[in-house]
Protein backbone atom coordinates (compact mmCIF):
# COMPACT_ATOMS: atom_id res chain seq x y z
CA UNK A 1 0.00 0.00 0.00
CA UNK A 2 1.34 3.40 -0.95
CA UNK A 3 0.49 6.41 1.21
CA UNK A 4 0.62 9.87 -0.32
CA UNK A 5 1.82 12.91 1.58
CA UNK A 6 0.74 16.02 -0.32
CA UNK A 7 2.74 19.13 0.59
CA UNK A 8 1.55 22.63 -0.29
CA UNK A 9 4.59 24.16 -1.97
CA UNK A 10 3.01 27.62 -2.27
CA UNK A 11 2.24 28.21 1.44
CA UNK A 12 3.78 31.47 2.62
CA UNK A 13 2.27 31.64 6.13
CA UNK A 14 2.61 35.42 6.22
CA UNK A 15 6.23 35.49 5.09
CA UNK A 16 7.64 38.47 3.25
CA UNK A 17 10.44 37.21 1.03
CA UNK A 18 12.80 38.74 -1.46
CA UNK A 19 12.86 37.68 -5.08
CA UNK A 20 13.91 34.09 -5.65
CA UNK A 21 13.66 32.99 -2.01
CA UNK A 22 11.69 29.76 -1.52
CA UNK A 23 8.46 30.10 0.46
CA UNK A 24 7.82 28.12 3.64
CA UNK A 25 5.84 25.39 1.85
CA UNK A 26 8.63 24.82 -0.68
CA UNK A 27 11.19 24.66 2.13
CA UNK A 28 9.02 22.13 4.01
CA UNK A 29 8.70 20.02 0.86
CA UNK A 30 12.49 20.04 0.37
CA UNK A 31 13.09 19.13 4.03
CA UNK A 32 10.71 16.18 3.77
CA UNK A 33 12.38 14.89 0.61
CA UNK A 34 15.79 15.23 2.30
CA UNK A 35 14.65 13.25 5.35
CA UNK A 36 14.41 9.50 5.88
CA UNK A 37 11.32 8.81 3.80
CA UNK A 38 9.57 5.68 5.10
CA UNK A 39 8.95 2.75 2.78
CA UNK A 40 5.55 3.03 1.14
CA UNK A 41 5.38 6.83 1.38
CA UNK A 42 5.17 9.00 -1.72
CA UNK A 43 5.75 12.74 -1.21
CA UNK A 44 4.00 14.95 -3.75
CA UNK A 45 4.24 18.72 -3.96
CA UNK A 46 1.00 20.51 -4.84
CA UNK A 47 0.32 24.15 -5.57
CA UNK A 48 -2.38 24.71 -2.95
CA UNK A 49 -4.28 22.84 -0.24
CA UNK A 50 -6.57 25.85 0.47
CA UNK A 51 -5.34 26.05 4.05
CA UNK A 52 -3.82 29.50 3.54
CA UNK A 53 -4.69 30.75 7.03
CA UNK A 54 -3.00 27.66 8.49
CA UNK A 55 0.00 27.19 6.21
CA UNK A 56 2.28 25.43 5.64
CA UNK A 57 0.00 22.46 5.20
CA UNK A 58 0.25 18.77 4.32
CA UNK A 59 -2.36 16.09 3.64
CA UNK A 60 -2.04 12.33 4.19
CA UNK A 61 -4.19 9.94 2.17
CA UNK A 62 -4.43 6.39 0.86
CA UNK A 63 -7.17 4.41 -0.88
CA UNK A 64 -9.87 3.17 1.50
CA UNK A 65 -8.50 5.13 4.47
CA UNK A 66 -9.34 8.27 6.38
CA UNK A 67 -7.39 11.30 5.11
CA UNK A 68 -5.93 14.09 7.26
CA UNK A 69 -4.89 17.69 6.67
CA UNK A 70 -2.34 19.28 9.04
CA UNK A 71 -1.25 22.91 9.18
CA UNK A 72 1.01 25.41 10.92
CA UNK A 73 4.06 23.37 9.96
CA UNK A 74 7.65 24.33 9.20
CA UNK A 75 10.70 22.54 7.85
CA UNK A 76 11.71 21.94 11.49
CA UNK A 77 8.72 19.56 11.70
CA UNK A 78 9.89 17.33 8.82
CA UNK A 79 11.13 14.44 11.00
CA UNK A 80 7.88 14.36 13.02
CA UNK A 81 5.79 14.53 9.84
CA UNK A 82 7.67 11.54 8.42
CA UNK A 83 7.17 9.60 11.69
CA UNK A 84 3.46 10.41 11.60
CA UNK A 85 3.25 9.33 7.95
CA UNK A 86 4.90 6.01 8.82
CA UNK A 87 2.36 5.44 11.62
CA UNK A 88 -0.46 6.32 9.21
CA UNK A 89 0.95 3.81 6.71
CA UNK A 90 0.86 1.08 9.37
CA UNK A 91 -2.73 1.83 10.50
CA UNK A 92 -5.15 -0.34 8.47
CA UNK A 93 -7.83 2.36 8.26
CA UNK A 94 -5.55 5.40 8.54
CA UNK A 95 -6.62 6.15 12.11
CA UNK A 96 -3.49 6.21 14.26
CA UNK A 97 -4.17 5.85 18.00
CA UNK A 98 -4.03 9.29 19.65
CA UNK A 99 -1.02 8.60 21.87
CA UNK A 100 0.92 7.09 18.95
CA UNK A 101 0.68 10.29 16.89
CA UNK A 102 3.45 12.89 16.93
CA UNK A 103 2.42 15.93 18.98
CA UNK A 104 2.18 18.10 15.87
CA UNK A 105 -0.41 15.68 14.46
CA UNK A 106 -2.41 15.80 17.70
CA UNK A 107 -2.41 19.58 17.94
CA UNK A 108 -2.28 20.78 14.35
CA UNK A 109 -4.94 18.73 12.60
CA UNK A 110 -7.13 20.87 10.36
CA UNK A 111 -9.41 18.17 8.96
CA UNK A 112 -10.15 14.46 8.98
CA UNK A 113 -11.90 13.24 5.83
CA UNK A 114 -13.69 9.88 5.59
CA UNK A 115 -12.72 7.31 2.98
CA UNK A 116 -14.49 7.47 -0.35
CA UNK A 117 -17.28 4.92 -0.47
CA UNK A 118 -17.74 3.24 -3.86
CA UNK A 119 -21.12 4.06 -5.43
CA UNK A 120 -23.84 1.48 -5.01
CA UNK A 121 -24.91 -0.31 -8.12
CA UNK A 122 -28.20 0.93 -9.48
CA UNK A 123 -30.99 -1.56 -8.80
CA UNK A 124 -32.40 -3.42 -11.77
CA UNK A 125 -35.76 -1.97 -12.72
C-alpha atoms as a PDB file:
ATOM      1  CA  UNK A   1       0.000   0.000   0.000  1.00  0.00           C
ATOM      2  CA  UNK A   2       1.335   3.402  -0.945  1.00  0.00           C
ATOM      3  CA  UNK A   3       0.490   6.408   1.214  1.00  0.00           C
ATOM      4  CA  UNK A   4       0.616   9.874  -0.324  1.00  0.00           C
ATOM      5  CA  UNK A   5       1.818  12.915   1.582  1.00  0.00           C
ATOM      6  CA  UNK A   6       0.745  16.024  -0.320  1.00  0.00           C
ATOM      7  CA  UNK A   7       2.744  19.129   0.589  1.00  0.00           C
ATOM      8  CA  UNK A   8       1.554  22.630  -0.289  1.00  0.00           C
ATOM      9  CA  UNK A   9       4.590  24.159  -1.967  1.00  0.00           C
ATOM     10  CA  UNK A  10       3.013  27.625  -2.271  1.00  0.00           C
ATOM     11  CA  UNK A  11       2.240  28.210   1.443  1.00  0.00           C
ATOM     12  CA  UNK A  12       3.780  31.468   2.622  1.00  0.00           C
ATOM     13  CA  UNK A  13       2.270  31.637   6.130  1.00  0.00           C
ATOM     14  CA  UNK A  14       2.607  35.415   6.221  1.00  0.00           C
ATOM     15  CA  UNK A  15       6.232  35.488   5.093  1.00  0.00           C
ATOM     16  CA  UNK A  16       7.642  38.469   3.246  1.00  0.00           C
ATOM     17  CA  UNK A  17      10.441  37.213   1.033  1.00  0.00           C
ATOM     18  CA  UNK A  18      12.800  38.744  -1.461  1.00  0.00           C
ATOM     19  CA  UNK A  19      12.855  37.681  -5.082  1.00  0.00           C
ATOM     20  CA  UNK A  20      13.909  34.092  -5.653  1.00  0.00           C
ATOM     21  CA  UNK A  21      13.663  32.994  -2.011  1.00  0.00           C
ATOM     22  CA  UNK A  22      11.692  29.761  -1.522  1.00  0.00           C
ATOM     23  CA  UNK A  23       8.463  30.097   0.462  1.00  0.00           C
ATOM     24  CA  UNK A  24       7.817  28.119   3.644  1.00  0.00           C
ATOM     25  CA  UNK A  25       5.837  25.392   1.846  1.00  0.00           C
ATOM     26  CA  UNK A  26       8.628  24.819  -0.678  1.00  0.00           C
ATOM     27  CA  UNK A  27      11.186  24.657   2.134  1.00  0.00           C
ATOM     28  CA  UNK A  28       9.023  22.131   4.009  1.00  0.00           C
ATOM     29  CA  UNK A  29       8.697  20.024   0.860  1.00  0.00           C
ATOM     30  CA  UNK A  30      12.487  20.041   0.366  1.00  0.00           C
ATOM     31  CA  UNK A  31      13.093  19.133   4.027  1.00  0.00           C
ATOM     32  CA  UNK A  32      10.707  16.181   3.769  1.00  0.00           C
ATOM     33  CA  UNK A  33      12.382  14.895   0.609  1.00  0.00           C
ATOM     34  CA  UNK A  34      15.790  15.230   2.299  1.00  0.00           C
ATOM     35  CA  UNK A  35      14.651  13.246   5.348  1.00  0.00           C
ATOM     36  CA  UNK A  36      14.411   9.504   5.882  1.00  0.00           C
ATOM     37  CA  UNK A  37      11.324   8.809   3.800  1.00  0.00           C
ATOM     38  CA  UNK A  38       9.565   5.683   5.103  1.00  0.00           C
ATOM     39  CA  UNK A  39       8.953   2.754   2.784  1.00  0.00           C
ATOM     40  CA  UNK A  40       5.551   3.031   1.140  1.00  0.00           C
ATOM     41  CA  UNK A  41       5.376   6.832   1.377  1.00  0.00           C
ATOM     42  CA  UNK A  42       5.168   9.005  -1.719  1.00  0.00           C
ATOM     43  CA  UNK A  43       5.753  12.739  -1.209  1.00  0.00           C
ATOM     44  CA  UNK A  44       4.003  14.949  -3.754  1.00  0.00           C
ATOM     45  CA  UNK A  45       4.244  18.723  -3.959  1.00  0.00           C
ATOM     46  CA  UNK A  46       0.998  20.506  -4.838  1.00  0.00           C
ATOM     47  CA  UNK A  47       0.315  24.153  -5.573  1.00  0.00           C
ATOM     48  CA  UNK A  48      -2.384  24.711  -2.950  1.00  0.00           C
ATOM     49  CA  UNK A  49      -4.279  22.844  -0.241  1.00  0.00           C
ATOM     50  CA  UNK A  50      -6.574  25.848   0.473  1.00  0.00           C
ATOM     51  CA  UNK A  51      -5.338  26.054   4.050  1.00  0.00           C
ATOM     52  CA  UNK A  52      -3.818  29.496   3.544  1.00  0.00           C
ATOM     53  CA  UNK A  53      -4.694  30.745   7.032  1.00  0.00           C
ATOM     54  CA  UNK A  54      -3.002  27.663   8.494  1.00  0.00           C
ATOM     55  CA  UNK A  55       0.004  27.191   6.205  1.00  0.00           C
ATOM     56  CA  UNK A  56       2.279  25.425   5.641  1.00  0.00           C
ATOM     57  CA  UNK A  57      -0.001  22.457   5.200  1.00  0.00           C
ATOM     58  CA  UNK A  58       0.251  18.775   4.322  1.00  0.00           C
ATOM     59  CA  UNK A  59      -2.356  16.087   3.645  1.00  0.00           C
ATOM     60  CA  UNK A  60      -2.044  12.325   4.192  1.00  0.00           C
ATOM     61  CA  UNK A  61      -4.190   9.935   2.167  1.00  0.00           C
ATOM     62  CA  UNK A  62      -4.431   6.391   0.862  1.00  0.00           C
ATOM     63  CA  UNK A  63      -7.166   4.409  -0.882  1.00  0.00           C
ATOM     64  CA  UNK A  64      -9.871   3.168   1.499  1.00  0.00           C
ATOM     65  CA  UNK A  65      -8.496   5.129   4.472  1.00  0.00           C
ATOM     66  CA  UNK A  66      -9.336   8.274   6.376  1.00  0.00           C
ATOM     67  CA  UNK A  67      -7.389  11.303   5.111  1.00  0.00           C
ATOM     68  CA  UNK A  68      -5.934  14.089   7.259  1.00  0.00           C
ATOM     69  CA  UNK A  69      -4.887  17.692   6.673  1.00  0.00           C
ATOM     70  CA  UNK A  70      -2.342  19.280   9.036  1.00  0.00           C
ATOM     71  CA  UNK A  71      -1.246  22.911   9.184  1.00  0.00           C
ATOM     72  CA  UNK A  72       1.006  25.413  10.922  1.00  0.00           C
ATOM     73  CA  UNK A  73       4.059  23.367   9.962  1.00  0.00           C
ATOM     74  CA  UNK A  74       7.652  24.330   9.198  1.00  0.00           C
ATOM     75  CA  UNK A  75      10.701  22.539   7.852  1.00  0.00           C
ATOM     76  CA  UNK A  76      11.713  21.942  11.488  1.00  0.00           C
ATOM     77  CA  UNK A  77       8.724  19.561  11.699  1.00  0.00           C
ATOM     78  CA  UNK A  78       9.893  17.335   8.823  1.00  0.00           C
ATOM     79  CA  UNK A  79      11.131  14.439  10.999  1.00  0.00           C
ATOM     80  CA  UNK A  80       7.881  14.356  13.016  1.00  0.00           C
ATOM     81  CA  UNK A  81       5.793  14.534   9.843  1.00  0.00           C
ATOM     82  CA  UNK A  82       7.669  11.539   8.422  1.00  0.00           C
ATOM     83  CA  UNK A  83       7.173   9.605  11.694  1.00  0.00           C
ATOM     84  CA  UNK A  84       3.463  10.406  11.604  1.00  0.00           C
ATOM     85  CA  UNK A  85       3.251   9.334   7.953  1.00  0.00           C
ATOM     86  CA  UNK A  86       4.901   6.006   8.824  1.00  0.00           C
ATOM     87  CA  UNK A  87       2.364   5.443  11.623  1.00  0.00           C
ATOM     88  CA  UNK A  88      -0.462   6.320   9.211  1.00  0.00           C
ATOM     89  CA  UNK A  89       0.946   3.808   6.710  1.00  0.00           C
ATOM     90  CA  UNK A  90       0.857   1.081   9.371  1.00  0.00           C
ATOM     91  CA  UNK A  91      -2.735   1.829  10.499  1.00  0.00           C
ATOM     92  CA  UNK A  92      -5.150  -0.341   8.470  1.00  0.00           C
ATOM     93  CA  UNK A  93      -7.834   2.364   8.264  1.00  0.00           C
ATOM     94  CA  UNK A  94      -5.549   5.404   8.537  1.00  0.00           C
ATOM     95  CA  UNK A  95      -6.620   6.152  12.110  1.00  0.00           C
ATOM     96  CA  UNK A  96      -3.490   6.210  14.255  1.00  0.00           C
ATOM     97  CA  UNK A  97      -4.169   5.848  18.002  1.00  0.00           C
ATOM     98  CA  UNK A  98      -4.035   9.291  19.646  1.00  0.00           C
ATOM     99  CA  UNK A  99      -1.021   8.599  21.870  1.00  0.00           C
ATOM    100  CA  UNK A 100       0.919   7.091  18.947  1.00  0.00           C
ATOM    101  CA  UNK A 101       0.683  10.290  16.891  1.00  0.00           C
ATOM    102  CA  UNK A 102       3.454  12.889  16.929  1.00  0.00           C
ATOM    103  CA  UNK A 103       2.423  15.930  18.984  1.00  0.00           C
ATOM    104  CA  UNK A 104       2.181  18.100  15.866  1.00  0.00           C
ATOM    105  CA  UNK A 105      -0.406  15.677  14.460  1.00  0.00           C
ATOM    106  CA  UNK A 106      -2.405  15.798  17.696  1.00  0.00           C
ATOM    107  CA  UNK A 107      -2.414  19.584  17.937  1.00  0.00           C
ATOM    108  CA  UNK A 108      -2.276  20.779  14.349  1.00  0.00           C
ATOM    109  CA  UNK A 109      -4.942  18.731  12.602  1.00  0.00           C
ATOM    110  CA  UNK A 110      -7.135  20.866  10.364  1.00  0.00           C
ATOM    111  CA  UNK A 111      -9.412  18.171   8.958  1.00  0.00           C
ATOM    112  CA  UNK A 112     -10.153  14.461   8.979  1.00  0.00           C
ATOM    113  CA  UNK A 113     -11.898  13.235   5.831  1.00  0.00           C
ATOM    114  CA  UNK A 114     -13.689   9.877   5.594  1.00  0.00           C
ATOM    115  CA  UNK A 115     -12.717   7.310   2.981  1.00  0.00           C
ATOM    116  CA  UNK A 116     -14.495   7.475  -0.345  1.00  0.00           C
ATOM    117  CA  UNK A 117     -17.279   4.916  -0.471  1.00  0.00           C
ATOM    118  CA  UNK A 118     -17.743   3.244  -3.858  1.00  0.00           C
ATOM    119  CA  UNK A 119     -21.122   4.056  -5.430  1.00  0.00           C
ATOM    120  CA  UNK A 120     -23.836   1.478  -5.013  1.00  0.00           C
ATOM    121  CA  UNK A 121     -24.907  -0.309  -8.119  1.00  0.00           C
ATOM    122  CA  UNK A 122     -28.198   0.925  -9.485  1.00  0.00           C
ATOM    123  CA  UNK A 123     -30.990  -1.558  -8.804  1.00  0.00           C
ATOM    124  CA  UNK A 124     -32.398  -3.424 -11.773  1.00  0.00           C
ATOM    125  CA  UNK A 125     -35.759  -1.972 -12.716  1.00  0.00           C
END
